[in-house]
Amino acid sequence: MNSSFRQPVRGMRDFLPNEAEKLRFIENTARRLAELYGYDEVITPIIQRIADLSS
């Protein structure tokens, strides 16, 4: 297997279960707070082509 498949994408990281639980708690708290103030959720692409960003 090519070693590049085992490396995370530059600028991104993996969250282990303990960290993921904390992150989900923060996300859910922020989501509920935003909903209280009338905000709607927007989901954007996680990874985007560089050509799209530089044009």
PDB file of N, CA and C in Angstrom:
ATOM      1  N   MET A   1       0.850  -1.182   0.000  1.00  0.00           N
ATOM      2  CA  MET A   1       0.000   0.000   0.000  1.00  0.00           C
ATOM      3  C   MET A   1       0.888   1.235   0.000  1.00  0.00           C
ATOM      4  N   ASN A   2       0.520   2.206  -0.785  1.00  0.00           N
ATOM      5  CA  ASN A   2       1.256   3.455  -0.862  1.00  0.00           C
ATOM      6  C   ASN A   2       1.136   4.202   0.461  1.00  0.00           C
ATOM      7  N   SER A   3       2.266   4.696   0.991  1.00  0.00           N
ATOM      8  CA  SER A   3       2.247   5.361   2.297  1.00  0.00           C
ATOM      9  C   SER A   3       1.438   6.653   2.284  1.00  0.00           C
ATOM     10  N   SER A   4       1.210   7.259   1.119  1.00  0.00           N
ATOM     11  CA  SER A   4       0.424   8.494   1.069  1.00  0.00           C
ATOM     12  C   SER A   4      -1.037   8.253   1.442  1.00  0.00           C
ATOM     13  N   PHE A   5      -1.512   7.011   1.320  1.00  0.00           N
ATOM     14  CA  PHE A   5      -2.891   6.700   1.699  1.00  0.00           C
ATOM     15  C   PHE A   5      -3.075   6.689   3.218  1.00  0.00           C
ATOM     16  N   ARG A   6      -1.988   6.554   3.946  1.00  0.00           N
ATOM     17  CA  ARG A   6      -2.076   6.506   5.401  1.00  0.00           C
ATOM     18  C   ARG A   6      -1.901   7.875   6.033  1.00  0.00           C
ATOM     19  N   GLN A   7      -1.537   8.862   5.263  1.00  0.00           N
ATOM     20  CA  GLN A   7      -1.322  10.202   5.786  1.00  0.00           C
ATOM     21  C   GLN A   7      -2.593  11.023   5.664  1.00  0.00           C
ATOM     22  N   PRO A   8      -2.964  11.775   6.709  1.00  0.00           N
ATOM     23  CA  PRO A   8      -4.137  12.639   6.582  1.00  0.00           C
ATOM     24  C   PRO A   8      -3.861  13.750   5.570  1.00  0.00           C
ATOM     25  N   VAL A   9      -4.908  14.284   5.005  1.00  0.00           N
ATOM     26  CA  VAL A   9      -4.781  15.392   4.075  1.00  0.00           C
ATOM     27  C   VAL A   9      -4.177  16.569   4.834  1.00  0.00           C
ATOM     28  N   ARG A  10      -3.264  17.264   4.220  1.00  0.00           N
ATOM     29  CA  ARG A  10      -2.599  18.389   4.876  1.00  0.00           C
ATOM     30  C   ARG A  10      -3.637  19.396   5.391  1.00  0.00           C
ATOM     31  N   GLY A  11      -3.481  19.815   6.622  1.00  0.00           N
ATOM     32  CA  GLY A  11      -4.406  20.755   7.223  1.00  0.00           C
ATOM     33  C   GLY A  11      -5.616  20.119   7.865  1.00  0.00           C
ATOM     34  N   MET A  12      -5.716  18.794   7.796  1.00  0.00           N
ATOM     35  CA  MET A  12      -6.836  18.073   8.400  1.00  0.00           C
ATOM     36  C   MET A  12      -6.286  17.059   9.385  1.00  0.00           C
ATOM     37  N   ARG A  13      -7.136  16.660  10.317  1.00  0.00           N
ATOM     38  CA  ARG A  13      -6.701  15.675  11.299  1.00  0.00           C
ATOM     39  C   ARG A  13      -7.835  14.731  11.638  1.00  0.00           C
ATOM     40  N   ASP A  14      -7.468  13.610  12.221  1.00  0.00           N
ATOM     41  CA  ASP A  14      -8.443  12.643  12.706  1.00  0.00           C
ATOM     42  C   ASP A  14      -8.723  12.934  14.170  1.00  0.00           C
ATOM     43  N   PHE A  15      -9.949  12.660  14.607  1.00  0.00           N
ATOM     44  CA  PHE A  15     -10.308  12.795  16.003  1.00  0.00           C
ATOM     45  C   PHE A  15     -10.566  11.407  16.569  1.00  0.00           C
ATOM     46  N   LEU A  16      -9.860  11.075  17.614  1.00  0.00           N
ATOM     47  CA  LEU A  16     -10.058   9.794  18.279  1.00  0.00           C
ATOM     48  C   LEU A  16     -11.348   9.858  19.090  1.00  0.00           C
ATOM     49  N   PRO A  17     -11.869   8.691  19.527  1.00  0.00           N
ATOM     50  CA  PRO A  17     -13.189   8.674  20.170  1.00  0.00           C
ATOM     51  C   PRO A  17     -13.374   9.687  21.307  1.00  0.00           C
ATOM     52  N   ASN A  18     -12.414   9.822  22.196  1.00  0.00           N
ATOM     53  CA  ASN A  18     -12.549  10.763  23.308  1.00  0.00           C
ATOM     54  C   ASN A  18     -12.646  12.203  22.801  1.00  0.00           C
ATOM     55  N   GLU A  19     -11.811  12.544  21.830  1.00  0.00           N
ATOM     56  CA  GLU A  19     -11.850  13.888  21.250  1.00  0.00           C
ATOM     57  C   GLU A  19     -13.126  14.100  20.447  1.00  0.00           C
ATOM     58  N   ALA A  20     -13.556  13.073  19.725  1.00  0.00           N
ATOM     59  CA  ALA A  20     -14.767  13.174  18.902  1.00  0.00           C
ATOM     60  C   ALA A  20     -15.983  13.450  19.771  1.00  0.00           C
ATOM     61  N   GLU A  21     -16.046  12.815  20.929  1.00  0.00           N
ATOM     62  CA  GLU A  21     -17.175  13.032  21.843  1.00  0.00           C
ATOM     63  C   GLU A  21     -17.232  14.491  22.301  1.00  0.00           C
ATOM     64  N   LYS A  22     -16.084  15.048  22.633  1.00  0.00           N
ATOM     65  CA  LYS A  22     -16.025  16.456  23.051  1.00  0.00           C
ATOM     66  C   LYS A  22     -16.409  17.384  21.901  1.00  0.00           C
ATOM     67  N   LEU A  23     -15.902  17.074  20.710  1.00  0.00           N
ATOM     68  CA  LEU A  23     -16.211  17.892  19.543  1.00  0.00           C
ATOM     69  C   LEU A  23     -17.705  17.866  19.236  1.00  0.00           C
ATOM     70  N   ARG A  24     -18.315  16.695  19.287  1.00  0.00           N
ATOM     71  CA  ARG A  24     -19.765  16.581  19.040  1.00  0.00           C
ATOM     72  C   ARG A  24     -20.567  17.363  20.073  1.00  0.00           C
ATOM     73  N   PHE A  25     -20.136  17.344  21.336  1.00  0.00           N
ATOM     74  CA  PHE A  25     -20.812  18.109  22.376  1.00  0.00           C
ATOM     75  C   PHE A  25     -20.786  19.604  22.037  1.00  0.00           C
ATOM     76  N   ILE A  26     -19.611  20.102  21.643  1.00  0.00           N
ATOM     77  CA  ILE A  26     -19.474  21.518  21.286  1.00  0.00           C
ATOM     78  C   ILE A  26     -20.324  21.845  20.065  1.00  0.00           C
ATOM     79  N   GLU A  27     -20.270  20.985  19.035  1.00  0.00           N
ATOM     80  CA  GLU A  27     -21.067  21.216  17.823  1.00  0.00           C
ATOM     81  C   GLU A  27     -22.562  21.251  18.133  1.00  0.00           C
ATOM     82  N   ASN A  28     -23.024  20.294  18.920  1.00  0.00           N
ATOM     83  CA  ASN A  28     -24.453  20.228  19.239  1.00  0.00           C
ATOM     84  C   ASN A  28     -24.900  21.411  20.082  1.00  0.00           C
ATOM     85  N   THR A  29     -24.057  21.841  21.002  1.00  0.00           N
ATOM     86  CA  THR A  29     -24.376  23.017  21.820  1.00  0.00           C
ATOM     87  C   THR A  29     -24.471  24.261  20.945  1.00  0.00           C
ATOM     88  N   ALA A  30     -23.505  24.444  20.059  1.00  0.00           N
ATOM     89  CA  ALA A  30     -23.517  25.594  19.150  1.00  0.00           C
ATOM     90  C   ALA A  30     -24.724  25.541  18.220  1.00  0.00           C
ATOM     91  N   ARG A  31     -25.065  24.352  17.740  1.00  0.00           N
ATOM     92  CA  ARG A  31     -26.211  24.189  16.842  1.00  0.00           C
ATOM     93  C   ARG A  31     -27.512  24.587  17.546  1.00  0.00           C
ATOM     94  N   ARG A  32     -27.705  24.107  18.776  1.00  0.00           N
ATOM     95  CA  ARG A  32     -28.920  24.453  19.528  1.00  0.00           C
ATOM     96  C   ARG A  32     -28.995  25.953  19.811  1.00  0.00           C
ATOM     97  N   LEU A  33     -27.876  26.561  20.153  1.00  0.00           N
ATOM     98  CA  LEU A  33     -27.840  27.989  20.420  1.00  0.00           C
ATOM     99  C   LEU A  33     -28.176  28.794  19.160  1.00  0.00           C
ATOM    100  N   ALA A  34     -27.610  28.396  18.037  1.00  0.00           N
ATOM    101  CA  ALA A  34     -27.891  29.084  16.770  1.00  0.00           C
ATOM    102  C   ALA A  34     -29.367  28.956  16.407  1.00  0.00           C
ATOM    103  N   GLU A  35     -29.952  27.791  16.619  1.00  0.00           N
ATOM    104  CA  GLU A  35     -31.379  27.592  16.323  1.00  0.00           C
ATOM    105  C   GLU A  35     -32.254  28.489  17.199  1.00  0.00           C
ATOM    106  N   LEU A  36     -31.848  28.704  18.457  1.00  0.00           N
ATOM    107  CA  LEU A  36     -32.600  29.590  19.346  1.00  0.00           C
ATOM    108  C   LEU A  36     -32.666  31.018  18.802  1.00  0.00           C
ATOM    109  N   TYR A  37     -31.621  31.412  18.089  1.00  0.00           N
ATOM    110  CA  TYR A  37     -31.558  32.761  17.518  1.00  0.00           C
ATOM    111  C   TYR A  37     -32.025  32.810  16.067  1.00  0.00           C
ATOM    112  N   GLY A  38     -32.616  31.722  15.594  1.00  0.00           N
ATOM    113  CA  GLY A  38     -33.231  31.720  14.274  1.00  0.00           C
ATOM    114  C   GLY A  38     -32.310  31.426  13.108  1.00  0.00           C
ATOM    115  N   TYR A  39     -31.096  30.965  13.380  1.00  0.00           N
ATOM    116  CA  TYR A  39     -30.176  30.648  12.289  1.00  0.00           C
ATOM    117  C   TYR A  39     -30.462  29.256  11.741  1.00  0.00           C
ATOM    118  N   ASP A  40     -30.283  29.088  10.442  1.00  0.00           N
ATOM    119  CA  ASP A  40     -30.406  27.795   9.780  1.00  0.00           C
ATOM    120  C   ASP A  40     -29.015  27.261   9.471  1.00  0.00           C
ATOM    121  N   GLU A  41     -28.897  25.962   9.455  1.00  0.00           N
ATOM    122  CA  GLU A  41     -27.608  25.329   9.188  1.00  0.00           C
ATOM    123  C   GLU A  41     -27.285  25.361   7.698  1.00  0.00           C
ATOM    124  N   VAL A  42     -26.015  25.637   7.396  1.00  0.00           N
ATOM    125  CA  VAL A  42     -25.488  25.577   6.033  1.00  0.00           C
ATOM    126  C   VAL A  42     -24.297  24.632   6.063  1.00  0.00           C
ATOM    127  N   ILE A  43     -24.287  23.658   5.171  1.00  0.00           N
ATOM    128  CA  ILE A  43     -23.178  22.718   5.094  1.00  0.00           C
ATOM    129  C   ILE A  43     -22.420  22.985   3.795  1.00  0.00           C
ATOM    130  N   THR A  44     -21.133  23.277   3.927  1.00  0.00           N
ATOM    131  CA  THR A  44     -20.296  23.573   2.765  1.00  0.00           C
ATOM    132  C   THR A  44     -19.366  22.390   2.491  1.00  0.00           C
ATOM    133  N   PRO A  45     -18.764  22.331   1.301  1.00  0.00           N
ATOM    134  CA  PRO A  45     -17.856  21.225   0.985  1.00  0.00           C
ATOM    135  C   PRO A  45     -16.671  21.177   1.953  1.00  0.00           C
ATOM    136  N   ILE A  46     -16.269  19.983   2.304  1.00  0.00           N
ATOM    137  CA  ILE A  46     -15.113  19.825   3.181  1.00  0.00           C
ATOM    138  C   ILE A  46     -13.832  20.044   2.378  1.00  0.00           C
ATOM    139  N   ILE A  47     -13.780  19.481   1.198  1.00  0.00           N
ATOM    140  CA  ILE A  47     -12.610  19.605   0.332  1.00  0.00           C
ATOM    141  C   ILE A  47     -13.086  20.178  -0.997  1.00  0.00           C
ATOM    142  N   GLN A  48     -12.365  21.154  -1.484  1.00  0.00           N
ATOM    143  CA  GLN A  48     -12.752  21.798  -2.731  1.00  0.00           C
ATOM    144  C   GLN A  48     -11.555  21.888  -3.655  1.00  0.00           C
ATOM    145  N   ARG A  49     -11.792  21.846  -4.954  1.00  0.00           N
ATOM    146  CA  ARG A  49     -10.696  21.949  -5.923  1.00  0.00           C
ATOM    147  C   ARG A  49     -10.041  23.323  -5.824  1.00  0.00           C
ATOM    148  N   ILE A  50      -8.721  23.363  -5.919  1.00  0.00           N
ATOM    149  CA  ILE A  50      -7.983  24.627  -5.818  1.00  0.00           C
ATOM    150  C   ILE A  50      -8.396  25.587  -6.927  1.00  0.00           C
ATOM    151  N   ALA A  51      -8.756  25.064  -8.101  1.00  0.00           N
ATOM    152  CA  ALA A  51      -9.171  25.937  -9.207  1.00  0.00           C
ATOM    153  C   ALA A  51     -10.429  26.711  -8.839  1.00  0.00           C
ATOM    154  N   ASP A  52     -11.329  26.097  -8.080  1.00  0.00           N
ATOM    155  CA  ASP A  52     -12.549  26.791  -7.658  1.00  0.00           C
ATOM    156  C   ASP A  52     -12.252  27.908  -6.679  1.00  0.00           C
ATOM    157  N   LEU A  53     -11.250  27.724  -5.853  1.00  0.00           N
ATOM    158  CA  LEU A  53     -10.914  28.719  -4.836  1.00  0.00           C
ATOM    159  C   LEU A  53     -10.106  29.882  -5.395  1.00  0.00           C
ATOM    160  N   SER A  54      -9.347  29.633  -6.434  1.00  0.00           N
ATOM    161  CA  SER A  54      -8.446  30.667  -6.954  1.00  0.00           C
ATOM    162  C   SER A  54      -9.029  31.444  -8.120  1.00  0.00           C
ATOM    163  N   SER A  55     -10.250  31.136  -8.534  1.00  0.00           N
ATOM    164  CA  SER A  55     -10.831  31.862  -9.667  1.00  0.00           C
ATOM    165  C   SER A  55     -11.649  33.053  -9.221  1.00  0.00           C
TER     166      SER A  55
END
